[in-house]
Amino acid sequence: MQFKIDTKEKILIFRLEEAALDAKMAAELEKEVLGIPELTGLNLVLDLHSLQSADARALEAIFTVYQHRYDHGLSAAVTGLNKVLTAELSELHPEMLNIVPTESEAIDMVMMEDLERELDLGDE
């Protein structure tokens, strides 16, 4: 599987460079993303602009990676997903709210959530 990673303050950007994602690659996606040592303590942006097709298992893997960040008190966003895959993913997981068209919107969204968490902790 081809991908690039980039880190910015409080965010790791994972850029998938594959046109199709099947069940075998879905397991690899989960392993690769969740196994990145630099991901610890960082929010995640999944940039899927090159992805043109994905099977049901692949969509589950995307959600698993996304949800993993929330399970650890962090944020995630998916960007660059085409309209068909966005609709399929939204139908499977309507609770997945952070699907945005551009990387800059994804970064803004996770940074906003991070700020909200910090403010909530400050109120306690």
PDB file of N, CA and C in Angstrom:
ATOM      1  N   MET A   1       0.852  -1.176   0.000  1.00  0.00           N
ATOM      2  CA  MET A   1       0.000   0.000   0.000  1.00  0.00           C
ATOM      3  C   MET A   1       0.895   1.235   0.000  1.00  0.00           C
ATOM      4  N   GLN A   2       0.537   2.183  -0.832  1.00  0.00           N
ATOM      5  CA  GLN A   2       1.301   3.412  -0.962  1.00  0.00           C
ATOM      6  C   GLN A   2       0.626   4.530  -0.169  1.00  0.00           C
ATOM      7  N   PHE A   3       1.419   5.245   0.622  1.00  0.00           N
ATOM      8  CA  PHE A   3       0.894   6.369   1.391  1.00  0.00           C
ATOM      9  C   PHE A   3       2.042   7.281   1.787  1.00  0.00           C
ATOM     10  N   LYS A   4       1.679   8.474   2.210  1.00  0.00           N
ATOM     11  CA  LYS A   4       2.630   9.437   2.759  1.00  0.00           C
ATOM     12  C   LYS A   4       2.059   9.941   4.068  1.00  0.00           C
ATOM     13  N   ILE A   5       2.935  10.293   4.976  1.00  0.00           N
ATOM     14  CA  ILE A   5       2.480  10.917   6.210  1.00  0.00           C
ATOM     15  C   ILE A   5       3.176  12.258   6.366  1.00  0.00           C
ATOM     16  N   ASP A   6       2.471  13.150   7.029  1.00  0.00           N
ATOM     17  CA  ASP A   6       2.982  14.485   7.294  1.00  0.00           C
ATOM     18  C   ASP A   6       2.480  14.860   8.676  1.00  0.00           C
ATOM     19  N   THR A   7       3.318  15.479   9.459  1.00  0.00           N
ATOM     20  CA  THR A   7       2.869  15.919  10.777  1.00  0.00           C
ATOM     21  C   THR A   7       2.891  17.421  10.849  1.00  0.00           C
ATOM     22  N   LYS A   8       1.860  17.927  11.453  1.00  0.00           N
ATOM     23  CA  LYS A   8       1.751  19.350  11.752  1.00  0.00           C
ATOM     24  C   LYS A   8       1.464  19.422  13.248  1.00  0.00           C
ATOM     25  N   GLU A   9       1.441  20.610  13.793  1.00  0.00           N
ATOM     26  CA  GLU A   9       1.180  20.745  15.213  1.00  0.00           C
ATOM     27  C   GLU A   9      -0.121  20.037  15.582  1.00  0.00           C
ATOM     28  N   LYS A  10      -0.038  19.030  16.437  1.00  0.00           N
ATOM     29  CA  LYS A  10      -1.171  18.278  16.973  1.00  0.00           C
ATOM     30  C   LYS A  10      -1.916  17.422  15.951  1.00  0.00           C
ATOM     31  N   ILE A  11      -1.401  17.312  14.711  1.00  0.00           N
ATOM     32  CA  ILE A  11      -2.110  16.574  13.668  1.00  0.00           C
ATOM     33  C   ILE A  11      -1.136  15.716  12.868  1.00  0.00           C
ATOM     34  N   LEU A  12      -1.569  14.485  12.596  1.00  0.00           N
ATOM     35  CA  LEU A  12      -0.871  13.647  11.644  1.00  0.00           C
ATOM     36  C   LEU A  12      -1.769  13.519  10.416  1.00  0.00           C
ATOM     37  N   ILE A  13      -1.212  13.795   9.246  1.00  0.00           N
ATOM     38  CA  ILE A  13      -1.968  13.676   7.997  1.00  0.00           C
ATOM     39  C   ILE A  13      -1.493  12.413   7.298  1.00  0.00           C
ATOM     40  N   PHE A  14      -2.426  11.506   7.052  1.00  0.00           N
ATOM     41  CA  PHE A  14      -2.148  10.252   6.360  1.00  0.00           C
ATOM     42  C   PHE A  14      -2.761  10.365   4.975  1.00  0.00           C
ATOM     43  N   ARG A  15      -1.905  10.365   3.947  1.00  0.00           N
ATOM     44  CA  ARG A  15      -2.368  10.500   2.558  1.00  0.00           C
ATOM     45  C   ARG A  15      -2.260   9.143   1.865  1.00  0.00           C
ATOM     46  N   LEU A  16      -3.398   8.518   1.654  1.00  0.00           N
ATOM     47  CA  LEU A  16      -3.436   7.253   0.935  1.00  0.00           C
ATOM     48  C   LEU A  16      -3.209   7.526  -0.543  1.00  0.00           C
ATOM     49  N   GLU A  17      -2.339   6.751  -1.166  1.00  0.00           N
ATOM     50  CA  GLU A  17      -2.040   6.942  -2.580  1.00  0.00           C
ATOM     51  C   GLU A  17      -2.406   5.693  -3.367  1.00  0.00           C
ATOM     52  N   GLU A  18      -3.633   5.245  -3.184  1.00  0.00           N
ATOM     53  CA  GLU A  18      -4.178   4.086  -3.881  1.00  0.00           C
ATOM     54  C   GLU A  18      -5.518   4.464  -4.483  1.00  0.00           C
ATOM     55  N   ALA A  19      -5.820   3.917  -5.652  1.00  0.00           N
ATOM     56  CA  ALA A  19      -7.096   4.201  -6.308  1.00  0.00           C
ATOM     57  C   ALA A  19      -8.211   3.292  -5.809  1.00  0.00           C
ATOM     58  N   ALA A  20      -7.849   2.105  -5.321  1.00  0.00           N
ATOM     59  CA  ALA A  20      -8.850   1.142  -4.855  1.00  0.00           C
ATOM     60  C   ALA A  20      -8.410   0.553  -3.524  1.00  0.00           C
ATOM     61  N   LEU A  21      -9.388   0.255  -2.703  1.00  0.00           N
ATOM     62  CA  LEU A  21      -9.122  -0.324  -1.392  1.00  0.00           C
ATOM     63  C   LEU A  21     -10.051  -1.521  -1.217  1.00  0.00           C
ATOM     64  N   ASP A  22      -9.458  -2.718  -1.114  1.00  0.00           N
ATOM     65  CA  ASP A  22     -10.261  -3.925  -0.926  1.00  0.00           C
ATOM     66  C   ASP A  22     -10.062  -4.447   0.493  1.00  0.00           C
ATOM     67  N   ALA A  23     -10.630  -5.620   0.782  1.00  0.00           N
ATOM     68  CA  ALA A  23     -10.586  -6.167   2.141  1.00  0.00           C
ATOM     69  C   ALA A  23      -9.152  -6.402   2.617  1.00  0.00           C
ATOM     70  N   LYS A  24      -8.308  -6.933   1.754  1.00  0.00           N
ATOM     71  CA  LYS A  24      -6.917  -7.191   2.139  1.00  0.00           C
ATOM     72  C   LYS A  24      -6.197  -5.881   2.473  1.00  0.00           C
ATOM     73  N   MET A  25      -6.375  -4.894   1.621  1.00  0.00           N
ATOM     74  CA  MET A  25      -5.730  -3.603   1.857  1.00  0.00           C
ATOM     75  C   MET A  25      -6.350  -2.879   3.048  1.00  0.00           C
ATOM     76  N   ALA A  26      -7.626  -3.161   3.334  1.00  0.00           N
ATOM     77  CA  ALA A  26      -8.294  -2.528   4.477  1.00  0.00           C
ATOM     78  C   ALA A  26      -7.593  -2.911   5.775  1.00  0.00           C
ATOM     79  N   ALA A  27      -7.273  -4.190   5.911  1.00  0.00           N
ATOM     80  CA  ALA A  27      -6.556  -4.639   7.111  1.00  0.00           C
ATOM     81  C   ALA A  27      -5.187  -3.978   7.191  1.00  0.00           C
ATOM     82  N   GLU A  28      -4.548  -3.830   6.054  1.00  0.00           N
ATOM     83  CA  GLU A  28      -3.241  -3.172   6.015  1.00  0.00           C
ATOM     84  C   GLU A  28      -3.371  -1.691   6.379  1.00  0.00           C
ATOM     85  N   LEU A  29      -4.446  -1.049   5.912  1.00  0.00           N
ATOM     86  CA  LEU A  29      -4.682   0.357   6.252  1.00  0.00           C
ATOM     87  C   LEU A  29      -4.777   0.532   7.764  1.00  0.00           C
ATOM     88  N   GLU A  30      -5.588  -0.294   8.410  1.00  0.00           N
ATOM     89  CA  GLU A  30      -5.714  -0.208   9.869  1.00  0.00           C
ATOM     90  C   GLU A  30      -4.367  -0.413  10.539  1.00  0.00           C
ATOM     91  N   LYS A  31      -3.652  -1.441  10.123  1.00  0.00           N
ATOM     92  CA  LYS A  31      -2.350  -1.750  10.727  1.00  0.00           C
ATOM     93  C   LYS A  31      -1.362  -0.604  10.529  1.00  0.00           C
ATOM     94  N   GLU A  32      -1.304  -0.080   9.300  1.00  0.00           N
ATOM     95  CA  GLU A  32      -0.348   0.987   9.006  1.00  0.00           C
ATOM     96  C   GLU A  32      -0.664   2.269   9.779  1.00  0.00           C
ATOM     97  N   VAL A  33      -1.907   2.714   9.717  1.00  0.00           N
ATOM     98  CA  VAL A  33      -2.257   3.981  10.365  1.00  0.00           C
ATOM     99  C   VAL A  33      -2.125   3.861  11.878  1.00  0.00           C
ATOM    100  N   LEU A  34      -2.731   2.833  12.446  1.00  0.00           N
ATOM    101  CA  LEU A  34      -2.718   2.710  13.902  1.00  0.00           C
ATOM    102  C   LEU A  34      -1.347   2.339  14.448  1.00  0.00           C
ATOM    103  N   GLY A  35      -0.455   1.864  13.572  1.00  0.00           N
ATOM    104  CA  GLY A  35       0.891   1.495  13.995  1.00  0.00           C
ATOM    105  C   GLY A  35       1.922   2.598  13.850  1.00  0.00           C
ATOM    106  N   ILE A  36       1.523   3.752  13.370  1.00  0.00           N
ATOM    107  CA  ILE A  36       2.468   4.861  13.208  1.00  0.00           C
ATOM    108  C   ILE A  36       2.835   5.404  14.591  1.00  0.00           C
ATOM    109  N   PRO A  37       4.098   5.286  14.982  1.00  0.00           N
ATOM    110  CA  PRO A  37       4.487   5.739  16.326  1.00  0.00           C
ATOM    111  C   PRO A  37       4.179   7.221  16.572  1.00  0.00           C
ATOM    112  N   GLU A  38       4.316   8.041  15.546  1.00  0.00           N
ATOM    113  CA  GLU A  38       4.082   9.475  15.695  1.00  0.00           C
ATOM    114  C   GLU A  38       2.610   9.806  15.932  1.00  0.00           C
ATOM    115  N   LEU A  39       1.711   8.846  15.706  1.00  0.00           N
ATOM    116  CA  LEU A  39       0.282   9.099  15.873  1.00  0.00           C
ATOM    117  C   LEU A  39      -0.104   9.276  17.339  1.00  0.00           C
ATOM    118  N   THR A  40       0.678   8.727  18.236  1.00  0.00           N
ATOM    119  CA  THR A  40       0.376   8.811  19.662  1.00  0.00           C
ATOM    120  C   THR A  40       0.204  10.266  20.089  1.00  0.00           C
ATOM    121  N   GLY A  41      -0.969  10.573  20.626  1.00  0.00           N
ATOM    122  CA  GLY A  41      -1.247  11.913  21.122  1.00  0.00           C
ATOM    123  C   GLY A  41      -1.616  12.930  20.062  1.00  0.00           C
ATOM    124  N   LEU A  42      -1.717  12.501  18.804  1.00  0.00           N
ATOM    125  CA  LEU A  42      -2.052  13.438  17.728  1.00  0.00           C
ATOM    126  C   LEU A  42      -3.441  13.165  17.160  1.00  0.00           C
ATOM    127  N   ASN A  43      -4.066  14.219  16.677  1.00  0.00           N
ATOM    128  CA  ASN A  43      -5.303  14.089  15.919  1.00  0.00           C
ATOM    129  C   ASN A  43      -4.931  13.562  14.533  1.00  0.00           C
ATOM    130  N   LEU A  44      -5.928  13.095  13.792  1.00  0.00           N
ATOM    131  CA  LEU A  44      -5.660  12.456  12.509  1.00  0.00           C
ATOM    132  C   LEU A  44      -6.510  13.049  11.399  1.00  0.00           C
ATOM    133  N   VAL A  45      -5.874  13.300  10.264  1.00  0.00           N
ATOM    134  CA  VAL A  45      -6.577  13.646   9.035  1.00  0.00           C
ATOM    135  C   VAL A  45      -6.260  12.536   8.033  1.00  0.00           C
ATOM    136  N   LEU A  46      -7.301  11.861   7.558  1.00  0.00           N
ATOM    137  CA  LEU A  46      -7.158  10.846   6.517  1.00  0.00           C
ATOM    138  C   LEU A  46      -7.458  11.505   5.177  1.00  0.00           C
ATOM    139  N   ASP A  47      -6.437  11.698   4.372  1.00  0.00           N
ATOM    140  CA  ASP A  47      -6.599  12.297   3.059  1.00  0.00           C
ATOM    141  C   ASP A  47      -6.762  11.167   2.044  1.00  0.00           C
ATOM    142  N   LEU A  48      -7.973  11.020   1.522  1.00  0.00           N
ATOM    143  CA  LEU A  48      -8.297   9.923   0.619  1.00  0.00           C
ATOM    144  C   LEU A  48      -8.603  10.422  -0.793  1.00  0.00           C
ATOM    145  N   HIS A  49      -7.949  11.501  -1.209  1.00  0.00           N
ATOM    146  CA  HIS A  49      -8.255  12.110  -2.514  1.00  0.00           C
ATOM    147  C   HIS A  49      -8.001  11.178  -3.691  1.00  0.00           C
ATOM    148  N   SER A  50      -7.078  10.243  -3.580  1.00  0.00           N
ATOM    149  CA  SER A  50      -6.783   9.350  -4.705  1.00  0.00           C
ATOM    150  C   SER A  50      -7.685   8.118  -4.745  1.00  0.00           C
ATOM    151  N   LEU A  51      -8.434   7.889  -3.680  1.00  0.00           N
ATOM    152  CA  LEU A  51      -9.275   6.694  -3.599  1.00  0.00           C
ATOM    153  C   LEU A  51     -10.519   6.846  -4.475  1.00  0.00           C
ATOM    154  N   GLN A  52     -10.674   5.919  -5.419  1.00  0.00           N
ATOM    155  CA  GLN A  52     -11.822   5.951  -6.327  1.00  0.00           C
ATOM    156  C   GLN A  52     -12.859   4.880  -6.002  1.00  0.00           C
ATOM    157  N   SER A  53     -12.417   3.771  -5.398  1.00  0.00           N
ATOM    158  CA  SER A  53     -13.354   2.708  -5.062  1.00  0.00           C
ATOM    159  C   SER A  53     -12.905   2.009  -3.789  1.00  0.00           C
ATOM    160  N   ALA A  54     -13.898   1.532  -3.044  1.00  0.00           N
ATOM    161  CA  ALA A  54     -13.623   0.829  -1.790  1.00  0.00           C
ATOM    162  C   ALA A  54     -14.770  -0.129  -1.518  1.00  0.00           C
ATOM    163  N   ASP A  55     -14.435  -1.331  -1.052  1.00  0.00           N
ATOM    164  CA  ASP A  55     -15.497  -2.264  -0.707  1.00  0.00           C
ATOM    165  C   ASP A  55     -15.956  -2.011   0.728  1.00  0.00           C
ATOM    166  N   ALA A  56     -16.953  -2.767   1.159  1.00  0.00           N
ATOM    167  CA  ALA A  56     -17.542  -2.549   2.489  1.00  0.00           C
ATOM    168  C   ALA A  56     -16.506  -2.710   3.598  1.00  0.00           C
ATOM    169  N   ARG A  57     -15.608  -3.672   3.469  1.00  0.00           N
ATOM    170  CA  ARG A  57     -14.579  -3.883   4.493  1.00  0.00           C
ATOM    171  C   ARG A  57     -13.636  -2.686   4.559  1.00  0.00           C
ATOM    172  N   ALA A  58     -13.343  -2.103   3.418  1.00  0.00           N
ATOM    173  CA  ALA A  58     -12.474  -0.923   3.373  1.00  0.00           C
ATOM    174  C   ALA A  58     -13.134   0.261   4.063  1.00  0.00           C
ATOM    175  N   LEU A  59     -14.429   0.435   3.832  1.00  0.00           N
ATOM    176  CA  LEU A  59     -15.147   1.525   4.499  1.00  0.00           C
ATOM    177  C   LEU A  59     -15.156   1.317   6.004  1.00  0.00           C
ATOM    178  N   GLU A  60     -15.280   0.050   6.442  1.00  0.00           N
ATOM    179  CA  GLU A  60     -15.218  -0.245   7.878  1.00  0.00           C
ATOM    180  C   GLU A  60     -13.843   0.094   8.438  1.00  0.00           C
ATOM    181  N   ALA A  61     -12.800  -0.180   7.673  1.00  0.00           N
ATOM    182  CA  ALA A  61     -11.435   0.134   8.121  1.00  0.00           C
ATOM    183  C   ALA A  61     -11.252   1.636   8.285  1.00  0.00           C
ATOM    184  N   ILE A  62     -11.786   2.402   7.352  1.00  0.00           N
ATOM    185  CA  ILE A  62     -11.711   3.863   7.451  1.00  0.00           C
ATOM    186  C   ILE A  62     -12.404   4.315   8.729  1.00  0.00           C
ATOM    187  N   PHE A  63     -13.590   3.761   9.003  1.00  0.00           N
ATOM    188  CA  PHE A  63     -14.307   4.130  10.218  1.00  0.00           C
ATOM    189  C   PHE A  63     -13.541   3.691  11.465  1.00  0.00           C
ATOM    190  N   THR A  64     -12.966   2.511  11.442  1.00  0.00           N
ATOM    191  CA  THR A  64     -12.208   2.005  12.597  1.00  0.00           C
ATOM    192  C   THR A  64     -11.056   2.935  12.942  1.00  0.00           C
ATOM    193  N   VAL A  65     -10.312   3.352  11.926  1.00  0.00           N
ATOM    194  CA  VAL A  65      -9.184   4.268  12.144  1.00  0.00           C
ATOM    195  C   VAL A  65      -9.698   5.600  12.680  1.00  0.00           C
ATOM    196  N   TYR A  66     -10.763   6.094  12.080  1.00  0.00           N
ATOM    197  CA  TYR A  66     -11.401   7.348  12.508  1.00  0.00           C
ATOM    198  C   TYR A  66     -11.837   7.254  13.973  1.00  0.00           C
ATOM    199  N   GLN A  67     -12.568   6.211  14.305  1.00  0.00           N
ATOM    200  CA  GLN A  67     -13.126   6.048  15.657  1.00  0.00           C
ATOM    201  C   GLN A  67     -12.034   5.838  16.698  1.00  0.00           C
ATOM    202  N   HIS A  68     -10.940   5.220  16.300  1.00  0.00           N
ATOM    203  CA  HIS A  68      -9.822   4.970  17.220  1.00  0.00           C
ATOM    204  C   HIS A  68      -9.323   6.272  17.843  1.00  0.00           C
ATOM    205  N   ARG A  69      -9.277   7.328  17.065  1.00  0.00           N
ATOM    206  CA  ARG A  69      -8.824   8.617  17.606  1.00  0.00           C
ATOM    207  C   ARG A  69      -9.790   9.106  18.687  1.00  0.00           C
ATOM    208  N   TYR A  70     -11.095   8.993  18.444  1.00  0.00           N
ATOM    209  CA  TYR A  70     -12.092   9.434  19.433  1.00  0.00           C
ATOM    210  C   TYR A  70     -12.055   8.564  20.678  1.00  0.00           C
ATOM    211  N   ASP A  71     -11.799   7.284  20.494  1.00  0.00           N
ATOM    212  CA  ASP A  71     -11.683   6.381  21.641  1.00  0.00           C
ATOM    213  C   ASP A  71     -10.508   6.754  22.531  1.00  0.00           C
ATOM    214  N   HIS A  72      -9.559   7.490  21.976  1.00  0.00           N
ATOM    215  CA  HIS A  72      -8.383   7.929  22.733  1.00  0.00           C
ATOM    216  C   HIS A  72      -8.434   9.418  23.070  1.00  0.00           C
ATOM    217  N   GLY A  73      -9.618  10.017  23.016  1.00  0.00           N
ATOM    218  CA  GLY A  73      -9.792  11.404  23.415  1.00  0.00           C
ATOM    219  C   GLY A  73      -9.223  12.412  22.432  1.00  0.00           C
ATOM    220  N   LEU A  74      -9.097  12.008  21.188  1.00  0.00           N
ATOM    221  CA  LEU A  74      -8.565  12.887  20.157  1.00  0.00           C
ATOM    222  C   LEU A  74      -9.593  13.036  19.039  1.00  0.00           C
ATOM    223  N   SER A  75      -9.209  13.667  17.944  1.00  0.00           N
ATOM    224  CA  SER A  75     -10.138  13.905  16.837  1.00  0.00           C
ATOM    225  C   SER A  75      -9.598  13.328  15.543  1.00  0.00           C
ATOM    226  N   ALA A  76     -10.519  13.190  14.585  1.00  0.00           N
ATOM    227  CA  ALA A  76     -10.154  12.723  13.250  1.00  0.00           C
ATOM    228  C   ALA A  76     -11.082  13.363  12.234  1.00  0.00           C
ATOM    229  N   ALA A  77     -10.603  13.434  11.007  1.00  0.00           N
ATOM    230  CA  ALA A  77     -11.418  13.904   9.895  1.00  0.00           C
ATOM    231  C   ALA A  77     -10.973  13.166   8.642  1.00  0.00           C
ATOM    232  N   VAL A  78     -11.924  12.981   7.742  1.00  0.00           N
ATOM    233  CA  VAL A  78     -11.654  12.352   6.453  1.00  0.00           C
ATOM    234  C   VAL A  78     -11.854  13.420   5.393  1.00  0.00           C
ATOM    235  N   THR A  79     -10.922  13.493   4.457  1.00  0.00           N
ATOM    236  CA  THR A  79     -11.007  14.489   3.402  1.00  0.00           C
ATOM    237  C   THR A  79     -10.689  13.880   2.051  1.00  0.00           C
ATOM    238  N   GLY A  80     -11.182  14.538   1.006  1.00  0.00           N
ATOM    239  CA  GLY A  80     -10.866  14.129  -0.349  1.00  0.00           C
ATOM    240  C   GLY A  80     -11.645  12.944  -0.867  1.00  0.00           C
ATOM    241  N   LEU A  81     -12.585  12.458  -0.100  1.00  0.00           N
ATOM    242  CA  LEU A  81     -13.360  11.280  -0.494  1.00  0.00           C
ATOM    243  C   LEU A  81     -14.361  11.675  -1.570  1.00  0.00           C
ATOM    244  N   ASN A  82     -14.466  10.872  -2.639  1.00  0.00           N
ATOM    245  CA  ASN A  82     -15.401  11.221  -3.712  1.00  0.00           C
ATOM    246  C   ASN A  82     -16.847  11.115  -3.228  1.00  0.00           C
ATOM    247  N   LYS A  83     -17.769  11.644  -4.008  1.00  0.00           N
ATOM    248  CA  LYS A  83     -19.179  11.719  -3.596  1.00  0.00           C
ATOM    249  C   LYS A  83     -19.801  10.357  -3.334  1.00  0.00           C
ATOM    250  N   VAL A  84     -19.486   9.381  -4.170  1.00  0.00           N
ATOM    251  CA  VAL A  84     -20.061   8.042  -4.011  1.00  0.00           C
ATOM    252  C   VAL A  84     -19.592   7.420  -2.696  1.00  0.00           C
ATOM    253  N   LEU A  85     -18.286   7.462  -2.453  1.00  0.00           N
ATOM    254  CA  LEU A  85     -17.756   6.868  -1.223  1.00  0.00           C
ATOM    255  C   LEU A  85     -18.186   7.654   0.014  1.00  0.00           C
ATOM    256  N   THR A  86     -18.304   8.961  -0.107  1.00  0.00           N
ATOM    257  CA  THR A  86     -18.800   9.765   1.000  1.00  0.00           C
ATOM    258  C   THR A  86     -20.218   9.334   1.371  1.00  0.00           C
ATOM    259  N   ALA A  87     -21.060   9.147   0.369  1.00  0.00           N
ATOM    260  CA  ALA A  87     -22.443   8.723   0.614  1.00  0.00           C
ATOM    261  C   ALA A  87     -22.489   7.329   1.239  1.00  0.00           C
ATOM    262  N   GLU A  88     -21.680   6.411   0.734  1.00  0.00           N
ATOM    263  CA  GLU A  88     -21.661   5.046   1.271  1.00  0.00           C
ATOM    264  C   GLU A  88     -21.178   5.038   2.720  1.00  0.00           C
ATOM    265  N   LEU A  89     -20.114   5.774   3.000  1.00  0.00           N
ATOM    266  CA  LEU A  89     -19.571   5.827   4.355  1.00  0.00           C
ATOM    267  C   LEU A  89     -20.551   6.503   5.310  1.00  0.00           C
ATOM    268  N   SER A  90     -21.183   7.564   4.858  1.00  0.00           N
ATOM    269  CA  SER A  90     -22.163   8.275   5.686  1.00  0.00           C
ATOM    270  C   SER A  90     -23.387   7.401   5.973  1.00  0.00           C
ATOM    271  N   GLU A  91     -23.754   6.573   5.020  1.00  0.00           N
ATOM    272  CA  GLU A  91     -24.894   5.676   5.217  1.00  0.00           C
ATOM    273  C   GLU A  91     -24.554   4.576   6.217  1.00  0.00           C
ATOM    274  N   LEU A  92     -23.345   4.030   6.110  1.00  0.00           N
ATOM    275  CA  LEU A  92     -22.910   2.982   7.038  1.00  0.00           C
ATOM    276  C   LEU A  92     -22.715   3.517   8.454  1.00  0.00           C
ATOM    277  N   HIS A  93     -22.176   4.719   8.551  1.00  0.00           N
ATOM    278  CA  HIS A  93     -21.832   5.309   9.852  1.00  0.00           C
ATOM    279  C   HIS A  93     -22.287   6.761   9.910  1.00  0.00           C
ATOM    280  N   PRO A  94     -23.595   6.986  10.124  1.00  0.00           N
ATOM    281  CA  PRO A  94     -24.092   8.367  10.162  1.00  0.00           C
ATOM    282  C   PRO A  94     -23.488   9.187  11.308  1.00  0.00           C
ATOM    283  N   GLU A  95     -22.944   8.520  12.317  1.00  0.00           N
ATOM    284  CA  GLU A  95     -22.313   9.241  13.428  1.00  0.00           C
ATOM    285  C   GLU A  95     -20.955   9.812  13.049  1.00  0.00           C
ATOM    286  N   MET A  96     -20.440   9.438  11.890  1.00  0.00           N
ATOM    287  CA  MET A  96     -19.147   9.930  11.421  1.00  0.00           C
ATOM    288  C   MET A  96     -19.360  11.302  10.789  1.00  0.00           C
ATOM    289  N   LEU A  97     -19.130  12.334  11.558  1.00  0.00           N
ATOM    290  CA  LEU A  97     -19.494  13.679  11.152  1.00  0.00           C
ATOM    291  C   LEU A  97     -18.413  14.433  10.403  1.00  0.00           C
ATOM    292  N   ASN A  98     -17.177  14.058  10.577  1.00  0.00           N
ATOM    293  CA  ASN A  98     -16.074  14.848  10.045  1.00  0.00           C
ATOM    294  C   ASN A  98     -15.589  14.348   8.685  1.00  0.00           C
ATOM    295  N   ILE A  99     -16.465  14.419   7.701  1.00  0.00           N
ATOM    296  CA  ILE A  99     -16.093  14.128   6.319  1.00  0.00           C
ATOM    297  C   ILE A  99     -16.196  15.448   5.576  1.00  0.00           C
ATOM    298  N   VAL A 100     -15.049  15.972   5.160  1.00  0.00           N
ATOM    299  CA  VAL A 100     -15.007  17.298   4.546  1.00  0.00           C
ATOM    300  C   VAL A 100     -14.266  17.247   3.211  1.00  0.00           C
ATOM    301  N   PRO A 101     -14.539  18.213   2.339  1.00  0.00           N
ATOM    302  CA  PRO A 101     -13.944  18.167   0.995  1.00  0.00           C
ATOM    303  C   PRO A 101     -12.442  18.438   0.925  1.00  0.00           C
ATOM    304  N   THR A 102     -11.927  19.327   1.761  1.00  0.00           N
ATOM    305  CA  THR A 102     -10.525  19.726   1.601  1.00  0.00           C
ATOM    306  C   THR A 102      -9.697  19.456   2.852  1.00  0.00           C
ATOM    307  N   GLU A 103      -8.405  19.342   2.636  1.00  0.00           N
ATOM    308  CA  GLU A 103      -7.488  19.112   3.745  1.00  0.00           C
ATOM    309  C   GLU A 103      -7.499  20.279   4.731  1.00  0.00           C
ATOM    310  N   SER A 104      -7.570  21.497   4.221  1.00  0.00           N
ATOM    311  CA  SER A 104      -7.561  22.655   5.125  1.00  0.00           C
ATOM    312  C   SER A 104      -8.809  22.649   6.015  1.00  0.00           C
ATOM    313  N   GLU A 105      -9.959  22.253   5.460  1.00  0.00           N
ATOM    314  CA  GLU A 105     -11.173  22.138   6.284  1.00  0.00           C
ATOM    315  C   GLU A 105     -11.020  21.039   7.332  1.00  0.00           C
ATOM    316  N   ALA A 106     -10.381  19.945   6.953  1.00  0.00           N
ATOM    317  CA  ALA A 106     -10.166  18.839   7.892  1.00  0.00           C
ATOM    318  C   ALA A 106      -9.267  19.293   9.045  1.00  0.00           C
ATOM    319  N   ILE A 107      -8.210  20.011   8.706  1.00  0.00           N
ATOM    320  CA  ILE A 107      -7.304  20.521   9.743  1.00  0.00           C
ATOM    321  C   ILE A 107      -8.046  21.486  10.656  1.00  0.00           C
ATOM    322  N   ASP A 108      -8.816  22.396  10.076  1.00  0.00           N
ATOM    323  CA  ASP A 108      -9.594  23.337  10.883  1.00  0.00           C
ATOM    324  C   ASP A 108     -10.552  22.603  11.815  1.00  0.00           C
ATOM    325  N   MET A 109     -11.200  21.554  11.299  1.00  0.00           N
ATOM    326  CA  MET A 109     -12.180  20.829  12.092  1.00  0.00           C
ATOM    327  C   MET A 109     -11.537  20.134  13.296  1.00  0.00           C
ATOM    328  N   VAL A 110     -10.427  19.439  13.079  1.00  0.00           N
ATOM    329  CA  VAL A 110      -9.809  18.744  14.209  1.00  0.00           C
ATOM    330  C   VAL A 110      -9.184  19.726  15.188  1.00  0.00           C
ATOM    331  N   MET A 111      -8.678  20.842  14.691  1.00  0.00           N
ATOM    332  CA  MET A 111      -8.123  21.839  15.606  1.00  0.00           C
ATOM    333  C   MET A 111      -9.221  22.490  16.444  1.00  0.00           C
ATOM    334  N   MET A 112     -10.397  22.702  15.840  1.00  0.00           N
ATOM    335  CA  MET A 112     -11.530  23.260  16.572  1.00  0.00           C
ATOM    336  C   MET A 112     -11.974  22.291  17.669  1.00  0.00           C
ATOM    337  N   GLU A 113     -12.079  21.029  17.347  1.00  0.00           N
ATOM    338  CA  GLU A 113     -12.456  20.041  18.354  1.00  0.00           C
ATOM    339  C   GLU A 113     -11.409  19.970  19.465  1.00  0.00           C
ATOM    340  N   ASP A 114     -10.147  20.063  19.097  1.00  0.00           N
ATOM    341  CA  ASP A 114      -9.072  20.037  20.088  1.00  0.00           C
ATOM    342  C   ASP A 114      -9.182  21.241  21.028  1.00  0.00           C
ATOM    343  N   LEU A 115      -9.461  22.397  20.465  1.00  0.00           N
ATOM    344  CA  LEU A 115      -9.645  23.607  21.271  1.00  0.00           C
ATOM    345  C   LEU A 115     -10.852  23.474  22.197  1.00  0.00           C
ATOM    346  N   GLU A 116     -11.950  22.923  21.681  1.00  0.00           N
ATOM    347  CA  GLU A 116     -13.136  22.707  22.508  1.00  0.00           C
ATOM    348  C   GLU A 116     -12.824  21.796  23.688  1.00  0.00           C
ATOM    349  N   ARG A 117     -12.043  20.727  23.451  1.00  0.00           N
ATOM    350  CA  ARG A 117     -11.656  19.820  24.548  1.00  0.00           C
ATOM    351  C   ARG A 117     -10.844  20.567  25.586  1.00  0.00           C
ATOM    352  N   GLU A 118      -9.889  21.392  25.132  1.00  0.00           N
ATOM    353  CA  GLU A 118      -9.056  22.143  26.057  1.00  0.00           C
ATOM    354  C   GLU A 118      -9.889  23.100  26.891  1.00  0.00           C
ATOM    355  N   LEU A 119     -10.863  23.771  26.248  1.00  0.00           N
ATOM    356  CA  LEU A 119     -11.724  24.700  26.978  1.00  0.00           C
ATOM    357  C   LEU A 119     -12.609  23.962  27.968  1.00  0.00           C
ATOM    358  N   ASP A 120     -13.125  22.805  27.588  1.00  0.00           N
ATOM    359  CA  ASP A 120     -13.940  22.000  28.497  1.00  0.00           C
ATOM    360  C   ASP A 120     -13.137  21.542  29.700  1.00  0.00           C
ATOM    361  N   LEU A 121     -11.895  21.181  29.498  1.00  0.00           N
ATOM    362  CA  LEU A 121     -11.040  20.754  30.613  1.00  0.00           C
ATOM    363  C   LEU A 121     -10.720  21.929  31.517  1.00  0.00           C
ATOM    364  N   GLY A 122     -10.601  23.111  30.942  1.00  0.00           N
ATOM    365  CA  GLY A 122     -10.324  24.307  31.728  1.00  0.00           C
ATOM    366  C   GLY A 122     -11.494  24.730  32.597  1.00  0.00           C
ATOM    367  N   ASP A 123     -12.719  24.357  32.223  1.00  0.00           N
ATOM    368  CA  ASP A 123     -13.903  24.713  32.991  1.00  0.00           C
ATOM    369  C   ASP A 123     -14.095  23.849  34.226  1.00  0.00           C
ATOM    370  N   GLU A 124     -13.424  22.721  34.244  1.00  0.00           N
ATOM    371  CA  GLU A 124     -13.629  21.779  35.369  1.00  0.00           C
ATOM    372  C   GLU A 124     -12.803  22.146  36.575  1.00  0.00           C
TER     373      GLU A 124
END
